[in-house]
Amino acid sequence: MHELSIASYLLESVEAQAQELGAQRVLAINLVAGERAGIVDDALQFSFDLLTPETLAEGAHINVRRTFMRFHCAPCDCEYSPKVGNFSCPDCGAVGQLTADGTELLIESIEIET
C-alpha cells in the first residue's frame, strides 16, 4: 500500500506550503496523477485522513485529475492514447512515439483558508 507513503509526503509538503502562506487550514489538495502511477483514490484519501488529525490539513479533500499515456504517430501526424495492451495508432496501425508515459504524480495546487 504505497498510498500511505504518498499521503505522508503530501502532508509534509502541503503543511510546509500552508504555513508559509499563513493558512489557518488546508481545504483541498489538487493532484495530477498519471493512469500508470498506480494511485487508488480512496486508499490515498483514507491514508491521508489517518495522518492528518491535529494538523492544518485535517479534513482536507484530495482531488485527483488523471492524465493518460500519449503517443504521436508520425505517418498520420496524430496524437492518441493507446488501448490496453495495444500501442498501435487507431488510424493507420503504426506504433507511435511515446510523448507522455502516464506515470506523473504532482501537486497541482492547494486550497487554503486564511
Protein backbone atom coordinates (compact mmCIF):
# COMPACT_ATOMS: atom_id res chain seq x y z
CA MET A 1 0.00 0.00 0.00
CA HIS A 2 2.21 2.82 -1.26
CA GLU A 3 -0.62 5.33 -0.78
CA LEU A 4 0.43 5.74 2.87
CA SER A 5 3.93 6.90 1.89
CA ILE A 6 2.44 9.22 -0.74
CA ALA A 7 -0.01 10.60 1.83
CA SER A 8 2.88 11.24 4.21
CA TYR A 9 4.79 13.15 1.53
CA LEU A 10 1.64 15.13 0.64
CA LEU A 11 1.05 16.10 4.25
CA GLU A 12 4.64 17.22 4.74
CA SER A 13 4.69 19.26 1.51
CA VAL A 14 1.25 20.79 1.91
CA GLU A 15 1.73 21.73 5.56
CA ALA A 16 5.01 23.47 4.77
CA GLN A 17 3.40 25.45 1.94
CA ALA A 18 0.31 26.28 4.01
CA GLN A 19 2.41 27.56 6.91
CA GLU A 20 4.47 29.67 4.52
CA LEU A 21 1.24 31.22 3.19
CA GLY A 22 -0.17 31.85 6.67
CA ALA A 23 -3.09 29.44 6.21
CA GLN A 24 -5.46 28.60 9.03
CA ARG A 25 -6.27 25.29 7.37
CA VAL A 26 -5.97 23.34 4.14
CA LEU A 27 -9.31 22.69 2.45
CA ALA A 28 -8.23 20.64 -0.56
CA ILE A 29 -5.22 19.27 -2.40
CA ASN A 30 -5.40 19.08 -6.19
CA LEU A 31 -3.20 16.37 -7.67
CA VAL A 32 -2.31 15.36 -11.20
CA ALA A 33 -1.82 11.60 -11.38
CA GLY A 34 -0.98 9.55 -14.42
CA GLU A 35 -3.06 6.49 -15.16
CA ARG A 36 0.06 4.35 -14.63
CA ALA A 37 1.04 5.94 -11.29
CA GLY A 38 -0.89 3.20 -9.53
CA ILE A 39 -2.81 5.54 -7.23
CA VAL A 40 -6.09 4.32 -5.76
CA ASP A 41 -8.00 7.49 -4.90
CA ASP A 42 -9.95 6.10 -1.93
CA ALA A 43 -6.86 4.46 -0.43
CA LEU A 44 -4.92 7.71 -0.76
CA GLN A 45 -7.68 9.73 0.93
CA PHE A 46 -8.01 7.12 3.68
CA SER A 47 -4.26 7.12 4.33
CA PHE A 48 -4.16 10.91 4.31
CA ASP A 49 -7.03 11.07 6.81
CA LEU A 50 -5.11 8.74 9.14
CA LEU A 51 -2.15 11.13 9.20
CA THR A 52 -3.86 14.50 9.44
CA PRO A 53 -5.58 14.78 12.86
CA GLU A 54 -4.48 17.97 14.63
CA THR A 55 -2.70 19.31 11.53
CA LEU A 56 -3.57 22.18 9.18
CA ALA A 57 -4.70 19.57 6.66
CA GLU A 58 -7.20 17.78 8.89
CA GLY A 59 -10.38 17.21 6.87
CA ALA A 60 -8.79 18.27 3.58
CA HIS A 61 -10.11 16.56 0.46
CA ILE A 62 -7.77 15.19 -2.20
CA ASN A 63 -8.94 15.83 -5.77
CA VAL A 64 -7.22 13.74 -8.43
CA ARG A 65 -7.07 14.72 -12.11
CA ARG A 66 -5.93 11.80 -14.25
CA THR A 67 -3.58 12.02 -17.20
CA PHE A 68 -3.06 9.30 -19.76
CA MET A 69 -0.28 7.69 -21.73
CA ARG A 70 0.04 9.51 -25.07
CA PHE A 71 1.71 8.66 -28.36
CA HIS A 72 2.45 10.62 -31.53
CA CYS A 73 2.05 8.78 -34.83
CA ALA A 74 4.48 10.17 -37.42
CA PRO A 75 2.88 8.58 -40.53
CA CYS A 76 -0.53 10.17 -39.95
CA ASP A 77 0.64 13.01 -37.64
CA CYS A 78 -1.90 12.35 -34.90
CA GLU A 79 -1.86 12.07 -31.11
CA TYR A 80 -3.54 9.14 -29.42
CA SER A 81 -3.93 7.29 -26.14
CA PRO A 82 -3.41 3.58 -26.64
CA LYS A 83 -5.92 0.91 -25.75
CA VAL A 84 -4.81 -1.55 -23.06
CA GLY A 85 -2.12 -3.81 -24.49
CA ASN A 86 -2.19 -2.24 -27.97
CA PHE A 87 0.17 0.65 -28.71
CA SER A 88 -0.74 0.89 -32.39
CA CYS A 89 -2.22 4.03 -33.93
CA PRO A 90 -6.00 3.63 -34.23
CA ASP A 91 -5.92 5.26 -37.69
CA CYS A 92 -3.03 3.59 -39.52
CA GLY A 93 -1.77 0.80 -37.23
CA ALA A 94 1.80 2.12 -36.90
CA VAL A 95 3.32 2.23 -33.42
CA GLY A 96 3.83 5.85 -32.49
CA GLN A 97 6.42 7.55 -30.33
CA LEU A 98 5.72 7.89 -26.62
CA THR A 99 5.14 11.56 -25.67
CA ALA A 100 3.70 11.12 -22.15
CA ASP A 101 4.13 7.96 -20.10
CA GLY A 102 1.23 8.45 -17.66
CA THR A 103 3.30 7.96 -14.51
CA GLU A 104 3.39 11.53 -13.17
CA LEU A 105 2.25 12.46 -9.67
CA LEU A 106 2.25 16.21 -8.98
CA ILE A 107 0.69 18.57 -6.51
CA GLU A 108 -1.05 20.97 -8.87
CA SER A 109 -2.42 23.32 -6.21
CA ILE A 110 -3.78 23.55 -2.70
CA GLU A 111 -6.88 25.33 -1.48
CA ILE A 112 -6.46 27.07 1.87
CA GLU A 113 -8.39 29.15 4.33
CA THR A 114 -6.60 32.21 5.71
